[in-house]
Amino acid sequence: MLSSTPTIWPVKGWISSGFGYRISPFTGRRVFHEGLDIATKYNTPVKAAAKGIVVFSGRKAGYGKTVIVDHGYGYITKYVHNNKLLVKAGD
């Protein structure tokens, strides 16, 4: 369970939007943001925050190039707005 719990940052960067209420960049309304956005330099490699299985690798509306990792035990991480996708479902 410990190796499947996300405990590291997937990239070196800075928090551009935190968890909690914020003004939506799409609607301009106050909404709950369920994630933590970490910004970094273009072409920076992204690593999974813990052991897991890639359950999705492709394009998603509003997110662009997206990778979703299922870590088990109820933990899922999403990596969005990527430049390149180097993994596939099942990795």
Protein backbone atom coordinates (compact mmCIF):
# COMPACT_ATOMS: atom_id res chain seq x y z
CA MET A 1 0.00 0.00 0.00
CA LEU A 2 2.81 2.43 0.85
CA SER A 3 4.49 2.12 -2.58
CA SER A 4 1.12 2.83 -4.22
CA THR A 5 0.46 6.00 -2.23
CA PRO A 6 1.42 9.14 -4.19
CA THR A 7 4.07 10.86 -2.08
CA ILE A 8 6.38 12.63 -4.53
CA TRP A 9 5.94 15.48 -6.98
CA PRO A 10 5.76 14.23 -10.58
CA VAL A 11 7.82 17.23 -11.77
CA LYS A 12 9.97 20.00 -10.35
CA GLY A 13 7.85 23.10 -10.63
CA TRP A 14 5.49 25.42 -8.83
CA ILE A 15 1.84 25.18 -7.80
CA SER A 16 -0.18 27.19 -10.29
CA SER A 17 -3.57 26.26 -8.82
CA GLY A 18 -4.26 24.57 -5.52
CA PHE A 19 -6.90 22.21 -4.20
CA GLY A 20 -10.14 23.92 -3.19
CA TYR A 21 -12.42 26.66 -4.45
CA ARG A 22 -11.22 28.92 -7.26
CA ILE A 23 -12.52 30.94 -10.18
CA SER A 24 -12.89 28.64 -13.17
CA PRO A 25 -10.71 29.70 -16.11
CA PHE A 26 -13.47 28.36 -18.40
CA THR A 27 -16.65 29.82 -16.89
CA GLY A 28 -15.44 32.63 -14.62
CA ARG A 29 -17.54 31.15 -11.78
CA ARG A 30 -16.45 29.90 -8.38
CA VAL A 31 -16.00 26.11 -8.52
CA PHE A 32 -14.27 23.41 -6.50
CA HIS A 33 -10.92 22.36 -8.00
CA GLU A 34 -10.27 18.73 -7.11
CA GLY A 35 -6.61 18.70 -8.07
CA LEU A 36 -3.28 20.36 -7.61
CA ASP A 37 -1.82 21.98 -10.72
CA ILE A 38 1.96 21.95 -10.92
CA ALA A 39 3.46 24.11 -13.65
CA THR A 40 6.94 23.55 -15.03
CA LYS A 41 9.13 24.32 -18.02
CA TYR A 42 8.14 23.04 -21.46
CA ASN A 43 9.42 19.50 -22.25
CA THR A 44 10.08 18.62 -18.59
CA PRO A 45 9.70 14.84 -18.10
CA VAL A 46 6.78 13.81 -15.86
CA LYS A 47 7.07 10.79 -13.57
CA ALA A 48 4.28 8.96 -11.77
CA ALA A 49 3.96 9.99 -8.12
CA ALA A 50 3.79 6.32 -7.05
CA LYS A 51 3.65 2.76 -8.38
CA GLY A 52 0.61 2.09 -10.56
CA ILE A 53 -0.89 1.12 -13.92
CA VAL A 54 -1.60 3.53 -16.77
CA VAL A 55 -5.35 3.25 -17.40
CA PHE A 56 -5.55 6.02 -20.01
CA SER A 57 -3.11 7.73 -22.34
CA GLY A 58 -4.54 10.04 -24.99
CA ARG A 59 -6.45 13.27 -25.55
CA LYS A 60 -9.23 14.49 -23.27
CA ALA A 61 -11.36 17.58 -23.88
CA GLY A 62 -10.21 20.47 -21.70
CA TYR A 63 -7.02 18.64 -20.70
CA GLY A 64 -5.21 17.91 -23.96
CA LYS A 65 -2.67 15.09 -23.81
CA THR A 66 -3.53 13.18 -20.65
CA VAL A 67 -2.19 10.21 -18.70
CA ILE A 68 -4.22 8.64 -15.88
CA VAL A 69 -2.53 6.24 -13.45
CA ASP A 70 -4.45 3.95 -11.10
CA HIS A 71 -2.30 3.32 -8.03
CA GLY A 72 -4.81 1.02 -6.35
CA TYR A 73 -6.28 1.50 -2.88
CA GLY A 74 -8.50 4.31 -4.27
CA TYR A 75 -5.60 6.49 -5.51
CA ILE A 76 -5.73 7.81 -9.08
CA THR A 77 -3.51 10.55 -10.48
CA LYS A 78 -4.06 12.55 -13.66
CA TYR A 79 -1.25 14.16 -15.62
CA VAL A 80 -2.68 16.67 -18.10
CA HIS A 81 -1.57 19.39 -20.53
CA ASN A 82 1.41 17.27 -21.57
CA ASN A 83 3.59 17.97 -24.61
CA LYS A 84 4.14 14.29 -25.48
CA LEU A 85 2.71 10.97 -24.35
CA LEU A 86 5.37 8.28 -23.94
CA VAL A 87 3.23 5.62 -22.23
CA LYS A 88 0.17 3.58 -23.17
CA ALA A 89 -2.68 1.97 -21.25
CA GLY A 90 -1.37 -1.08 -19.41
CA ASP A 91 2.11 0.33 -18.74
